[in-house]
Amino acid sequence: MNNEEKILDLLTHLTGKVDSIDNRLGNVETRLGNVETRLDGVETRLTHLEEEVEIIKEDGQITRGATNAILDWITKAQHMVRVPFDE
């Protein structure tokens, strides 16, 4: 085998290795694309949950305010009607 044949054989071998690496990288890119898609879905769901939590917080503040108003009213009313109220 002369030098040209050895070089050609080596290049053929290296080309096969590069093709193998390229295929593996293609698989990695595909998998990363799938991961990105899933993360986009998770981000969408988290955004929705954040919005829901904000609504719950607002509702909780309204409820707390209404409860405090009722407790104030009961405290004032118990003196007028002379009925004790235990908190």
N, C-alpha and C. Protein backbone atom coordinates (compact mmCIF):
# COMPACT_ATOMS: atom_id res chain seq x y z
N MET A 1 0.86 -1.17 0.00
CA MET A 1 0.00 0.00 0.00
C MET A 1 0.91 1.23 0.00
N ASN A 2 0.71 2.09 -0.96
CA ASN A 2 1.55 3.29 -1.03
C ASN A 2 0.97 4.40 -0.15
N ASN A 3 1.67 5.50 -0.09
CA ASN A 3 1.26 6.62 0.77
C ASN A 3 -0.09 7.20 0.38
N GLU A 4 -0.35 7.30 -0.90
CA GLU A 4 -1.63 7.85 -1.35
C GLU A 4 -2.79 6.96 -0.90
N GLU A 5 -2.60 5.66 -0.99
CA GLU A 5 -3.65 4.74 -0.56
C GLU A 5 -3.84 4.81 0.94
N LYS A 6 -2.76 4.95 1.68
CA LYS A 6 -2.85 5.08 3.14
C LYS A 6 -3.60 6.37 3.52
N ILE A 7 -3.26 7.45 2.83
CA ILE A 7 -3.93 8.72 3.10
C ILE A 7 -5.41 8.62 2.74
N LEU A 8 -5.72 8.02 1.61
CA LEU A 8 -7.11 7.84 1.19
C LEU A 8 -7.87 6.97 2.19
N ASP A 9 -7.24 5.92 2.65
CA ASP A 9 -7.86 5.04 3.65
C ASP A 9 -8.11 5.79 4.95
N LEU A 10 -7.14 6.59 5.37
CA LEU A 10 -7.28 7.39 6.59
C LEU A 10 -8.38 8.42 6.44
N LEU A 11 -8.45 9.08 5.30
CA LEU A 11 -9.51 10.06 5.04
C LEU A 11 -10.89 9.40 5.03
N THR A 12 -10.97 8.23 4.44
CA THR A 12 -12.24 7.50 4.43
C THR A 12 -12.67 7.15 5.85
N HIS A 13 -11.72 6.71 6.66
CA HIS A 13 -12.00 6.37 8.06
C HIS A 13 -12.45 7.62 8.83
N LEU A 14 -11.73 8.71 8.63
CA LEU A 14 -12.08 9.96 9.32
C LEU A 14 -13.44 10.49 8.88
N THR A 15 -13.73 10.35 7.59
CA THR A 15 -15.03 10.79 7.08
C THR A 15 -16.15 10.00 7.75
N GLY A 16 -15.94 8.71 7.92
CA GLY A 16 -16.93 7.87 8.61
C GLY A 16 -17.14 8.32 10.04
N LYS A 17 -16.04 8.66 10.72
CA LYS A 17 -16.13 9.13 12.11
C LYS A 17 -16.87 10.46 12.17
N VAL A 18 -16.56 11.37 11.25
CA VAL A 18 -17.22 12.68 11.21
C VAL A 18 -18.71 12.51 10.94
N ASP A 19 -19.05 11.62 10.02
CA ASP A 19 -20.46 11.34 9.73
C ASP A 19 -21.17 10.81 10.97
N SER A 20 -20.50 9.92 11.71
CA SER A 20 -21.08 9.38 12.94
C SER A 20 -21.32 10.49 13.96
N ILE A 21 -20.34 11.35 14.12
CA ILE A 21 -20.47 12.48 15.06
C ILE A 21 -21.60 13.40 14.60
N ASP A 22 -21.68 13.65 13.31
CA ASP A 22 -22.72 14.51 12.77
C ASP A 22 -24.11 13.92 13.04
N ASN A 23 -24.24 12.62 12.87
CA ASN A 23 -25.52 11.95 13.16
C ASN A 23 -25.88 12.08 14.63
N ARG A 24 -24.90 11.88 15.49
CA ARG A 24 -25.16 11.99 16.94
C ARG A 24 -25.54 13.42 17.31
N LEU A 25 -24.87 14.40 16.70
CA LEU A 25 -25.23 15.79 16.97
C LEU A 25 -26.63 16.11 16.47
N GLY A 26 -26.99 15.52 15.35
CA GLY A 26 -28.37 15.70 14.85
C GLY A 26 -29.38 15.17 15.84
N ASN A 27 -29.07 14.00 16.42
CA ASN A 27 -29.97 13.44 17.44
C ASN A 27 -30.05 14.34 18.66
N VAL A 28 -28.91 14.89 19.07
CA VAL A 28 -28.90 15.79 20.23
C VAL A 28 -29.73 17.04 19.94
N GLU A 29 -29.59 17.59 18.73
CA GLU A 29 -30.37 18.77 18.36
C GLU A 29 -31.86 18.47 18.38
N THR A 30 -32.23 17.30 17.89
CA THR A 30 -33.64 16.90 17.92
C THR A 30 -34.15 16.81 19.34
N ARG A 31 -33.37 16.18 20.19
CA ARG A 31 -33.78 16.03 21.59
C ARG A 31 -33.87 17.38 22.28
N LEU A 32 -32.92 18.26 21.99
CA LEU A 32 -32.97 19.61 22.58
C LEU A 32 -34.19 20.38 22.09
N GLY A 33 -34.54 20.18 20.84
CA GLY A 33 -35.76 20.81 20.32
C GLY A 33 -36.99 20.33 21.08
N ASN A 34 -37.02 19.03 21.38
CA ASN A 34 -38.14 18.48 22.17
C ASN A 34 -38.15 19.07 23.57
N VAL A 35 -36.98 19.20 24.16
CA VAL A 35 -36.89 19.78 25.51
C VAL A 35 -37.37 21.23 25.48
N GLU A 36 -36.96 21.98 24.48
CA GLU A 36 -37.41 23.38 24.37
C GLU A 36 -38.92 23.46 24.23
N THR A 37 -39.49 22.57 23.45
CA THR A 37 -40.94 22.55 23.29
C THR A 37 -41.63 22.28 24.62
N ARG A 38 -41.11 21.32 25.34
CA ARG A 38 -41.69 20.99 26.65
C ARG A 38 -41.54 22.14 27.62
N LEU A 39 -40.37 22.81 27.61
CA LEU A 39 -40.16 23.95 28.49
C LEU A 39 -41.09 25.10 28.15
N ASP A 40 -41.36 25.29 26.87
CA ASP A 40 -42.32 26.32 26.48
C ASP A 40 -43.69 26.02 27.08
N GLY A 41 -44.08 24.76 27.06
CA GLY A 41 -45.35 24.35 27.66
C GLY A 41 -45.36 24.59 29.16
N VAL A 42 -44.26 24.27 29.82
CA VAL A 42 -44.16 24.48 31.26
C VAL A 42 -44.23 25.98 31.57
N GLU A 43 -43.55 26.78 30.77
CA GLU A 43 -43.58 28.23 30.98
C GLU A 43 -44.99 28.79 30.82
N THR A 44 -45.70 28.29 29.84
CA THR A 44 -47.09 28.73 29.64
C THR A 44 -47.94 28.37 30.84
N ARG A 45 -47.79 27.15 31.34
CA ARG A 45 -48.57 26.72 32.50
C ARG A 45 -48.20 27.52 33.74
N LEU A 46 -46.90 27.82 33.92
CA LEU A 46 -46.48 28.61 35.07
C LEU A 46 -47.04 30.02 35.01
N THR A 47 -47.05 30.59 33.83
CA THR A 47 -47.62 31.93 33.66
C THR A 47 -49.10 31.91 34.04
N HIS A 48 -49.81 30.89 33.60
CA HIS A 48 -51.22 30.75 33.94
C HIS A 48 -51.40 30.61 35.46
N LEU A 49 -50.56 29.80 36.08
CA LEU A 49 -50.64 29.63 37.54
C LEU A 49 -50.35 30.93 38.27
N GLU A 50 -49.37 31.70 37.79
CA GLU A 50 -49.07 32.98 38.41
C GLU A 50 -50.28 33.91 38.35
N GLU A 51 -50.95 33.93 37.20
CA GLU A 51 -52.15 34.75 37.06
C GLU A 51 -53.24 34.30 38.02
N GLU A 52 -53.41 33.00 38.14
CA GLU A 52 -54.42 32.45 39.05
C GLU A 52 -54.10 32.80 40.51
N VAL A 53 -52.82 32.72 40.86
CA VAL A 53 -52.41 33.05 42.23
C VAL A 53 -52.70 34.52 42.53
N GLU A 54 -52.46 35.39 41.57
CA GLU A 54 -52.75 36.81 41.76
C GLU A 54 -54.24 37.03 42.00
N ILE A 55 -55.07 36.32 41.26
CA ILE A 55 -56.52 36.42 41.45
C ILE A 55 -56.90 35.94 42.84
N ILE A 56 -56.31 34.83 43.27
CA ILE A 56 -56.60 34.28 44.60
C ILE A 56 -56.16 35.27 45.67
N LYS A 57 -55.00 35.90 45.49
CA LYS A 57 -54.53 36.89 46.46
C LYS A 57 -55.52 38.06 46.56
N GLU A 58 -55.95 38.55 45.40
CA GLU A 58 -56.89 39.66 45.39
C GLU A 58 -58.19 39.26 46.09
N ASP A 59 -58.69 38.07 45.78
CA ASP A 59 -59.92 37.59 46.42
C ASP A 59 -59.72 37.44 47.92
N GLY A 60 -58.54 36.99 48.33
CA GLY A 60 -58.25 36.86 49.76
C GLY A 60 -58.24 38.21 50.46
N GLN A 61 -57.71 39.22 49.80
CA GLN A 61 -57.71 40.56 50.39
C GLN A 61 -59.13 41.09 50.52
N ILE A 62 -59.94 40.85 49.50
CA ILE A 62 -61.35 41.28 49.56
C ILE A 62 -62.06 40.58 50.70
N THR A 63 -61.86 39.26 50.79
CA THR A 63 -62.51 38.48 51.85
C THR A 63 -62.04 38.94 53.23
N ARG A 64 -60.73 39.16 53.36
CA ARG A 64 -60.18 39.62 54.63
C ARG A 64 -60.77 40.97 55.01
N GLY A 65 -60.87 41.86 54.04
CA GLY A 65 -61.44 43.18 54.30
C GLY A 65 -62.90 43.09 54.72
N ALA A 66 -63.65 42.25 54.02
CA ALA A 66 -65.06 42.08 54.37
C ALA A 66 -65.21 41.45 55.75
N THR A 67 -64.37 40.47 56.06
CA THR A 67 -64.42 39.82 57.38
C THR A 67 -64.10 40.82 58.48
N ASN A 68 -63.09 41.64 58.27
CA ASN A 68 -62.74 42.65 59.27
C ASN A 68 -63.87 43.67 59.44
N ALA A 69 -64.52 44.04 58.35
CA ALA A 69 -65.65 44.97 58.44
C ALA A 69 -66.79 44.36 59.24
N ILE A 70 -67.07 43.08 59.00
CA ILE A 70 -68.13 42.40 59.76
C ILE A 70 -67.76 42.33 61.24
N LEU A 71 -66.50 41.99 61.53
CA LEU A 71 -66.07 41.92 62.94
C LEU A 71 -66.18 43.29 63.62
N ASP A 72 -65.83 44.36 62.92
CA ASP A 72 -65.99 45.70 63.47
C ASP A 72 -67.45 46.01 63.74
N TRP A 73 -68.29 45.64 62.79
CA TRP A 73 -69.72 45.89 62.96
C TRP A 73 -70.27 45.10 64.14
N ILE A 74 -69.87 43.85 64.27
CA ILE A 74 -70.33 43.01 65.39
C ILE A 74 -69.86 43.60 66.71
N THR A 75 -68.61 44.08 66.74
CA THR A 75 -68.08 44.66 67.97
C THR A 75 -68.90 45.88 68.37
N LYS A 76 -69.26 46.71 67.42
CA LYS A 76 -70.08 47.89 67.72
C LYS A 76 -71.50 47.49 68.07
N ALA A 77 -72.05 46.52 67.33
CA ALA A 77 -73.44 46.12 67.54
C ALA A 77 -73.64 45.42 68.88
N GLN A 78 -72.65 44.69 69.37
CA GLN A 78 -72.85 43.96 70.62
C GLN A 78 -73.07 44.90 71.79
N HIS A 79 -72.51 46.11 71.73
CA HIS A 79 -72.73 47.08 72.81
C HIS A 79 -74.14 47.65 72.74
N MET A 80 -74.66 47.80 71.53
CA MET A 80 -76.01 48.34 71.37
C MET A 80 -77.08 47.34 71.78
N VAL A 81 -76.90 46.09 71.45
CA VAL A 81 -77.93 45.08 71.73
C VAL A 81 -77.63 44.31 73.01
N ARG A 82 -76.48 44.61 73.61
CA ARG A 82 -76.05 43.97 74.88
C ARG A 82 -75.99 42.45 74.77
N VAL A 83 -75.45 41.97 73.67
CA VAL A 83 -75.21 40.54 73.48
C VAL A 83 -73.70 40.37 73.31
N PRO A 84 -73.09 39.59 74.21
CA PRO A 84 -71.64 39.45 74.09
C PRO A 84 -71.25 38.64 72.84
N PHE A 85 -70.15 39.03 72.30
CA PHE A 85 -69.62 38.32 71.14
C PHE A 85 -68.21 37.85 71.47
N ASP A 86 -68.00 36.55 71.36
CA ASP A 86 -66.67 36.01 71.60
C ASP A 86 -65.96 35.86 70.27
N GLU A 87 -64.76 36.46 70.18
CA GLU A 87 -64.01 36.39 68.93
C GLU A 87 -63.26 35.10 68.82
